[in-house]
Amino acid sequence: MKHIIMTIAIAIGILFTPAVVRALDVGDAPCRDLVITSEVSMCLAEALEEQDSLLNATYLRTIEHTEKETREELRKAQRAWIRYRDSACEAEASLYRSGTAEYPARMACLERMTRTRNAELVKGFGWRVEKFSEE
């Protein structure tokens, strides 16, 4: 019984211990005002889901308004980017391996890189989407 109580106390302590993740220090990072690890994790998961939806919509619009040759190159680039993002974020999260900040670090990295990729697609292909979606 003593071990069960100790395990529960440790689990509660881990859930409500502030996680210090450097990626949350960035000025436009979501969830940076939160301090409880479980709240930060939930917030970052939601922010990632939102950014992923935005990126998917941008990517689909871009593919739709791009000629076949460029479309194939963009597909290859997007697949490579996904592998890079996942590997880079795994490396970043490994800085916090087995700690309470590992999951928030991964989520913060994935959200940041996904948000940045969306901006890159808009910057590089947005003019084309605007031009051909009007026709």
N, C-alpha and C. Protein backbone atom coordinates (compact mmCIF):
# COMPACT_ATOMS: atom_id res chain seq x y z
N MET A 1 0.82 -1.19 0.00
CA MET A 1 0.00 0.00 0.00
C MET A 1 0.87 1.26 0.00
N LYS A 2 1.95 1.17 0.75
CA LYS A 2 2.88 2.30 0.84
C LYS A 2 3.45 2.64 -0.54
N HIS A 3 3.77 1.62 -1.34
CA HIS A 3 4.33 1.82 -2.67
C HIS A 3 3.30 2.44 -3.62
N ILE A 4 2.05 2.05 -3.48
CA ILE A 4 0.99 2.60 -4.33
C ILE A 4 0.81 4.09 -4.05
N ILE A 5 0.79 4.45 -2.78
CA ILE A 5 0.64 5.86 -2.40
C ILE A 5 1.82 6.67 -2.90
N MET A 6 3.02 6.11 -2.77
CA MET A 6 4.23 6.80 -3.23
C MET A 6 4.19 6.98 -4.75
N THR A 7 3.76 5.94 -5.47
CA THR A 7 3.67 6.01 -6.93
C THR A 7 2.66 7.06 -7.36
N ILE A 8 1.52 7.11 -6.70
CA ILE A 8 0.50 8.12 -7.02
C ILE A 8 1.03 9.52 -6.73
N ALA A 9 1.70 9.69 -5.62
CA ALA A 9 2.25 11.00 -5.27
C ALA A 9 3.29 11.45 -6.30
N ILE A 10 4.12 10.55 -6.76
CA ILE A 10 5.13 10.89 -7.76
C ILE A 10 4.45 11.24 -9.08
N ALA A 11 3.45 10.45 -9.47
CA ALA A 11 2.74 10.72 -10.72
C ALA A 11 2.07 12.08 -10.69
N ILE A 12 1.44 12.41 -9.58
CA ILE A 12 0.80 13.73 -9.45
C ILE A 12 1.85 14.82 -9.49
N GLY A 13 2.96 14.60 -8.83
CA GLY A 13 4.05 15.57 -8.87
C GLY A 13 4.58 15.80 -10.26
N ILE A 14 4.70 14.74 -11.04
CA ILE A 14 5.18 14.86 -12.41
C ILE A 14 4.18 15.62 -13.26
N LEU A 15 2.90 15.31 -13.11
CA LEU A 15 1.86 15.97 -13.91
C LEU A 15 1.77 17.46 -13.64
N PHE A 16 2.03 17.86 -12.40
CA PHE A 16 1.85 19.25 -12.06
C PHE A 16 3.16 20.00 -11.78
N THR A 17 4.25 19.45 -12.26
CA THR A 17 5.54 20.12 -12.15
C THR A 17 5.76 20.95 -13.39
N PRO A 18 6.15 22.22 -13.25
CA PRO A 18 6.38 23.03 -14.43
C PRO A 18 7.49 22.44 -15.31
N ALA A 19 7.24 22.39 -16.59
CA ALA A 19 8.23 21.89 -17.54
C ALA A 19 8.89 23.08 -18.21
N VAL A 20 10.18 23.15 -18.11
CA VAL A 20 10.91 24.25 -18.73
C VAL A 20 11.37 23.78 -20.11
N VAL A 21 10.73 24.30 -21.13
CA VAL A 21 11.05 23.94 -22.50
C VAL A 21 11.50 25.21 -23.21
N ARG A 22 12.70 25.19 -23.71
CA ARG A 22 13.27 26.38 -24.36
C ARG A 22 12.42 26.87 -25.53
N ALA A 23 11.78 25.97 -26.26
CA ALA A 23 10.98 26.35 -27.42
C ALA A 23 9.80 27.24 -27.03
N LEU A 24 9.40 27.20 -25.78
CA LEU A 24 8.29 28.02 -25.33
C LEU A 24 8.71 29.46 -25.05
N ASP A 25 10.01 29.72 -25.08
CA ASP A 25 10.50 31.08 -24.84
C ASP A 25 10.35 31.98 -26.06
N VAL A 26 10.11 31.39 -27.23
CA VAL A 26 10.00 32.14 -28.47
C VAL A 26 8.77 33.04 -28.39
N GLY A 27 8.89 34.28 -28.86
CA GLY A 27 7.83 35.27 -28.74
C GLY A 27 6.47 34.87 -29.26
N ASP A 28 6.41 34.13 -30.36
CA ASP A 28 5.10 33.78 -30.93
C ASP A 28 4.67 32.35 -30.59
N ALA A 29 5.35 31.72 -29.66
CA ALA A 29 5.01 30.35 -29.27
C ALA A 29 3.69 30.33 -28.51
N PRO A 30 2.81 29.40 -28.85
CA PRO A 30 1.57 29.28 -28.09
C PRO A 30 1.86 28.66 -26.72
N CYS A 31 0.98 28.86 -25.79
CA CYS A 31 1.00 28.19 -24.48
C CYS A 31 2.14 28.64 -23.58
N ARG A 32 2.82 29.69 -23.90
CA ARG A 32 3.99 30.06 -23.09
C ARG A 32 3.65 30.66 -21.74
N ASP A 33 2.39 31.03 -21.53
CA ASP A 33 2.00 31.58 -20.24
C ASP A 33 1.57 30.50 -19.24
N LEU A 34 1.48 29.26 -19.71
CA LEU A 34 1.08 28.16 -18.84
C LEU A 34 2.31 27.59 -18.14
N VAL A 35 2.12 27.03 -16.94
CA VAL A 35 3.26 26.48 -16.21
C VAL A 35 3.08 25.03 -15.80
N ILE A 36 1.85 24.56 -15.69
CA ILE A 36 1.62 23.18 -15.27
C ILE A 36 1.81 22.28 -16.49
N THR A 37 2.66 21.30 -16.36
CA THR A 37 3.07 20.45 -17.47
C THR A 37 1.88 19.86 -18.21
N SER A 38 0.89 19.37 -17.50
CA SER A 38 -0.25 18.75 -18.17
C SER A 38 -1.03 19.77 -18.99
N GLU A 39 -1.16 20.99 -18.49
CA GLU A 39 -1.85 22.05 -19.23
C GLU A 39 -1.04 22.47 -20.46
N VAL A 40 0.26 22.59 -20.29
CA VAL A 40 1.13 22.94 -21.42
C VAL A 40 1.04 21.86 -22.50
N SER A 41 1.07 20.61 -22.08
CA SER A 41 1.01 19.49 -23.04
C SER A 41 -0.30 19.50 -23.82
N MET A 42 -1.41 19.70 -23.12
CA MET A 42 -2.71 19.73 -23.80
C MET A 42 -2.80 20.92 -24.74
N CYS A 43 -2.35 22.06 -24.31
CA CYS A 43 -2.39 23.27 -25.12
C CYS A 43 -1.55 23.10 -26.38
N LEU A 44 -0.34 22.54 -26.23
CA LEU A 44 0.54 22.35 -27.37
C LEU A 44 -0.01 21.31 -28.35
N ALA A 45 -0.64 20.27 -27.83
CA ALA A 45 -1.25 19.27 -28.71
C ALA A 45 -2.37 19.91 -29.54
N GLU A 46 -3.16 20.77 -28.92
CA GLU A 46 -4.23 21.47 -29.64
C GLU A 46 -3.64 22.45 -30.66
N ALA A 47 -2.59 23.16 -30.28
CA ALA A 47 -1.95 24.11 -31.19
C ALA A 47 -1.34 23.39 -32.38
N LEU A 48 -0.74 22.23 -32.14
CA LEU A 48 -0.18 21.43 -33.23
C LEU A 48 -1.29 20.97 -34.17
N GLU A 49 -2.39 20.51 -33.61
CA GLU A 49 -3.51 20.05 -34.45
C GLU A 49 -4.02 21.19 -35.33
N GLU A 50 -4.11 22.39 -34.77
CA GLU A 50 -4.56 23.55 -35.54
C GLU A 50 -3.57 23.89 -36.66
N GLN A 51 -2.29 23.90 -36.33
CA GLN A 51 -1.28 24.21 -37.35
C GLN A 51 -1.21 23.14 -38.42
N ASP A 52 -1.39 21.90 -38.02
CA ASP A 52 -1.37 20.80 -38.98
C ASP A 52 -2.54 20.92 -39.95
N SER A 53 -3.71 21.29 -39.45
CA SER A 53 -4.88 21.51 -40.31
C SER A 53 -4.64 22.65 -41.28
N LEU A 54 -4.07 23.74 -40.78
CA LEU A 54 -3.75 24.88 -41.65
C LEU A 54 -2.76 24.49 -42.74
N LEU A 55 -1.73 23.76 -42.35
CA LEU A 55 -0.72 23.33 -43.32
C LEU A 55 -1.34 22.41 -44.37
N ASN A 56 -2.15 21.47 -43.94
CA ASN A 56 -2.80 20.56 -44.89
C ASN A 56 -3.67 21.32 -45.88
N ALA A 57 -4.42 22.30 -45.40
CA ALA A 57 -5.27 23.10 -46.28
C ALA A 57 -4.42 23.90 -47.27
N THR A 58 -3.35 24.51 -46.79
CA THR A 58 -2.46 25.27 -47.67
C THR A 58 -1.82 24.36 -48.70
N TYR A 59 -1.36 23.21 -48.26
CA TYR A 59 -0.71 22.25 -49.16
C TYR A 59 -1.69 21.78 -50.24
N LEU A 60 -2.91 21.44 -49.85
CA LEU A 60 -3.90 20.96 -50.83
C LEU A 60 -4.26 22.05 -51.84
N ARG A 61 -4.43 23.28 -51.36
CA ARG A 61 -4.70 24.40 -52.28
C ARG A 61 -3.53 24.61 -53.23
N THR A 62 -2.33 24.49 -52.70
CA THR A 62 -1.13 24.68 -53.51
C THR A 62 -1.03 23.60 -54.58
N ILE A 63 -1.21 22.36 -54.19
CA ILE A 63 -1.18 21.24 -55.13
C ILE A 63 -2.23 21.42 -56.22
N GLU A 64 -3.41 21.85 -55.82
CA GLU A 64 -4.52 22.03 -56.76
C GLU A 64 -4.21 23.06 -57.83
N HIS A 65 -3.43 24.07 -57.49
CA HIS A 65 -3.16 25.17 -58.41
C HIS A 65 -1.72 25.17 -58.93
N THR A 66 -1.16 23.98 -59.05
CA THR A 66 0.22 23.84 -59.52
C THR A 66 0.25 22.82 -60.66
N GLU A 67 1.06 23.09 -61.67
CA GLU A 67 1.14 22.15 -62.80
C GLU A 67 1.80 20.85 -62.36
N LYS A 68 1.57 19.80 -63.14
CA LYS A 68 1.94 18.44 -62.78
C LYS A 68 3.41 18.29 -62.38
N GLU A 69 4.33 18.84 -63.16
CA GLU A 69 5.76 18.70 -62.88
C GLU A 69 6.12 19.29 -61.51
N THR A 70 5.66 20.49 -61.28
CA THR A 70 5.94 21.15 -60.00
C THR A 70 5.24 20.43 -58.86
N ARG A 71 4.04 19.93 -59.11
CA ARG A 71 3.27 19.20 -58.11
C ARG A 71 4.06 18.00 -57.60
N GLU A 72 4.68 17.26 -58.52
CA GLU A 72 5.46 16.08 -58.11
C GLU A 72 6.68 16.48 -57.27
N GLU A 73 7.33 17.56 -57.67
CA GLU A 73 8.48 18.05 -56.89
C GLU A 73 8.04 18.51 -55.50
N LEU A 74 6.90 19.17 -55.45
CA LEU A 74 6.37 19.63 -54.16
C LEU A 74 6.00 18.45 -53.27
N ARG A 75 5.42 17.41 -53.84
CA ARG A 75 5.09 16.22 -53.05
C ARG A 75 6.35 15.59 -52.46
N LYS A 76 7.39 15.47 -53.29
CA LYS A 76 8.66 14.91 -52.78
C LYS A 76 9.21 15.79 -51.68
N ALA A 77 9.17 17.08 -51.88
CA ALA A 77 9.69 18.02 -50.88
C ALA A 77 8.91 17.93 -49.58
N GLN A 78 7.59 17.81 -49.69
CA GLN A 78 6.75 17.74 -48.48
C GLN A 78 7.02 16.46 -47.71
N ARG A 79 7.16 15.36 -48.41
CA ARG A 79 7.47 14.09 -47.73
C ARG A 79 8.83 14.17 -47.02
N ALA A 80 9.81 14.76 -47.70
CA ALA A 80 11.14 14.92 -47.10
C ALA A 80 11.07 15.85 -45.89
N TRP A 81 10.28 16.92 -46.01
CA TRP A 81 10.14 17.86 -44.90
C TRP A 81 9.52 17.17 -43.69
N ILE A 82 8.51 16.35 -43.89
CA ILE A 82 7.86 15.64 -42.78
C ILE A 82 8.86 14.76 -42.06
N ARG A 83 9.68 14.03 -42.82
CA ARG A 83 10.71 13.18 -42.19
C ARG A 83 11.71 14.04 -41.42
N TYR A 84 12.12 15.16 -42.02
CA TYR A 84 13.06 16.06 -41.35
C TYR A 84 12.45 16.63 -40.07
N ARG A 85 11.21 17.13 -40.16
CA ARG A 85 10.55 17.71 -38.99
C ARG A 85 10.48 16.70 -37.85
N ASP A 86 10.02 15.50 -38.16
CA ASP A 86 9.87 14.48 -37.13
C ASP A 86 11.21 14.12 -36.49
N SER A 87 12.24 13.99 -37.30
CA SER A 87 13.58 13.66 -36.77
C SER A 87 14.14 14.80 -35.95
N ALA A 88 14.01 16.02 -36.45
CA ALA A 88 14.53 17.19 -35.74
C ALA A 88 13.83 17.35 -34.39
N CYS A 89 12.53 17.15 -34.37
CA CYS A 89 11.79 17.30 -33.12
C CYS A 89 12.07 16.16 -32.15
N GLU A 90 12.32 14.98 -32.68
CA GLU A 90 12.71 13.87 -31.81
C GLU A 90 14.06 14.19 -31.16
N ALA A 91 14.97 14.74 -31.93
CA ALA A 91 16.28 15.12 -31.38
C ALA A 91 16.12 16.21 -30.31
N GLU A 92 15.29 17.20 -30.59
CA GLU A 92 15.07 18.28 -29.63
C GLU A 92 14.44 17.74 -28.34
N ALA A 93 13.46 16.85 -28.48
CA ALA A 93 12.80 16.28 -27.31
C ALA A 93 13.77 15.41 -26.50
N SER A 94 14.74 14.81 -27.17
CA SER A 94 15.68 13.92 -26.47
C SER A 94 16.53 14.68 -25.46
N LEU A 95 16.60 16.00 -25.59
CA LEU A 95 17.30 16.81 -24.58
C LEU A 95 16.64 16.66 -23.21
N TYR A 96 15.38 16.31 -23.21
CA TYR A 96 14.60 16.19 -21.98
C TYR A 96 14.20 14.74 -21.70
N ARG A 97 14.91 13.79 -22.30
CA ARG A 97 14.58 12.36 -22.23
C ARG A 97 14.22 11.93 -20.82
N SER A 98 13.11 11.26 -20.72
CA SER A 98 12.59 10.69 -19.47
C SER A 98 12.20 11.74 -18.44
N GLY A 99 12.11 12.98 -18.85
CA GLY A 99 11.67 14.01 -17.92
C GLY A 99 10.29 14.51 -18.29
N THR A 100 9.74 15.36 -17.45
CA THR A 100 8.39 15.85 -17.69
C THR A 100 8.32 16.80 -18.89
N ALA A 101 9.44 17.33 -19.30
CA ALA A 101 9.44 18.29 -20.41
C ALA A 101 9.61 17.62 -21.78
N GLU A 102 9.82 16.31 -21.82
CA GLU A 102 10.06 15.64 -23.10
C GLU A 102 8.87 15.79 -24.05
N TYR A 103 7.68 15.48 -23.59
CA TYR A 103 6.49 15.56 -24.46
C TYR A 103 6.20 17.01 -24.86
N PRO A 104 6.18 17.97 -23.91
CA PRO A 104 5.95 19.36 -24.33
C PRO A 104 7.03 19.87 -25.31
N ALA A 105 8.27 19.44 -25.12
CA ALA A 105 9.34 19.86 -26.04
C ALA A 105 9.06 19.35 -27.45
N ARG A 106 8.64 18.10 -27.56
CA ARG A 106 8.32 17.51 -28.86
C ARG A 106 7.17 18.26 -29.51
N MET A 107 6.09 18.48 -28.73
CA MET A 107 4.91 19.16 -29.27
C MET A 107 5.22 20.60 -29.68
N ALA A 108 6.01 21.29 -28.86
CA ALA A 108 6.37 22.68 -29.18
C ALA A 108 7.19 22.74 -30.47
N CYS A 109 8.10 21.81 -30.63
CA CYS A 109 8.91 21.75 -31.84
C CYS A 109 8.05 21.45 -33.06
N LEU A 110 7.20 20.44 -32.96
CA LEU A 110 6.33 20.07 -34.08
C LEU A 110 5.41 21.23 -34.47
N GLU A 111 4.86 21.90 -33.48
CA GLU A 111 3.97 23.03 -33.75
C GLU A 111 4.73 24.16 -34.44
N ARG A 112 5.90 24.49 -33.91
CA ARG A 112 6.70 25.59 -34.46
C ARG A 112 7.12 25.30 -35.90
N MET A 113 7.60 24.08 -36.14
CA MET A 113 8.07 23.74 -37.48
C MET A 113 6.91 23.65 -38.47
N THR A 114 5.76 23.18 -38.02
CA THR A 114 4.59 23.09 -38.89
C THR A 114 4.09 24.48 -39.25
N ARG A 115 4.07 25.37 -38.26
CA ARG A 115 3.66 26.76 -38.50
C ARG A 115 4.61 27.43 -39.49
N THR A 116 5.90 27.18 -39.33
CA THR A 116 6.90 27.75 -40.22
C THR A 116 6.76 27.20 -41.64
N ARG A 117 6.50 25.91 -41.76
CA ARG A 117 6.34 25.30 -43.09
C ARG A 117 5.13 25.87 -43.81
N ASN A 118 4.05 26.10 -43.08
CA ASN A 118 2.88 26.72 -43.68
C ASN A 118 3.23 28.09 -44.25
N ALA A 119 3.95 28.89 -43.46
CA ALA A 119 4.36 30.23 -43.92
C ALA A 119 5.26 30.12 -45.15
N GLU A 120 6.13 29.11 -45.19
CA GLU A 120 7.01 28.93 -46.35
C GLU A 120 6.21 28.61 -47.61
N LEU A 121 5.21 27.74 -47.48
CA LEU A 121 4.38 27.40 -48.63
C LEU A 121 3.61 28.63 -49.12
N VAL A 122 3.06 29.39 -48.19
CA VAL A 122 2.32 30.59 -48.57
C VAL A 122 3.25 31.57 -49.27
N LYS A 123 4.44 31.75 -48.72
CA LYS A 123 5.39 32.69 -49.31
C LYS A 123 5.86 32.24 -50.69
N GLY A 124 6.14 30.96 -50.83
CA GLY A 124 6.68 30.47 -52.09
C GLY A 124 5.64 30.22 -53.17
N PHE A 125 4.44 29.79 -52.78
CA PHE A 125 3.43 29.38 -53.76
C PHE A 125 2.14 30.20 -53.67
N GLY A 126 2.01 31.03 -52.66
CA GLY A 126 0.77 31.76 -52.44
C GLY A 126 0.33 32.60 -53.62
N TRP A 127 1.28 33.24 -54.28
CA TRP A 127 0.93 34.07 -55.44
C TRP A 127 0.26 33.22 -56.52
N ARG A 128 0.75 32.00 -56.70
CA ARG A 128 0.20 31.12 -57.72
C ARG A 128 -1.22 30.67 -57.35
N VAL A 129 -1.40 30.35 -56.10
CA VAL A 129 -2.72 29.93 -55.62
C VAL A 129 -3.71 31.07 -55.85
N GLU A 130 -3.32 32.28 -55.46
CA GLU A 130 -4.20 33.44 -55.65
C GLU A 130 -4.51 33.68 -57.12
N LYS A 131 -3.50 33.61 -57.95
CA LYS A 131 -3.67 33.89 -59.37
C LYS A 131 -4.61 32.88 -60.04
N PHE A 132 -4.40 31.60 -59.78
CA PHE A 132 -5.17 30.59 -60.48
C PHE A 132 -6.48 30.20 -59.80
N SER A 133 -6.65 30.57 -58.55
CA SER A 133 -7.92 30.27 -57.89
C SER A 133 -8.98 31.28 -58.30
N GLU A 134 -8.56 32.42 -58.81
CA GLU A 134 -9.50 33.45 -59.27
C GLU A 134 -10.10 33.11 -60.63
N GLU A 135 -9.43 32.28 -61.39
CA GLU A 135 -9.88 31.97 -62.74
C GLU A 135 -10.99 30.96 -62.77
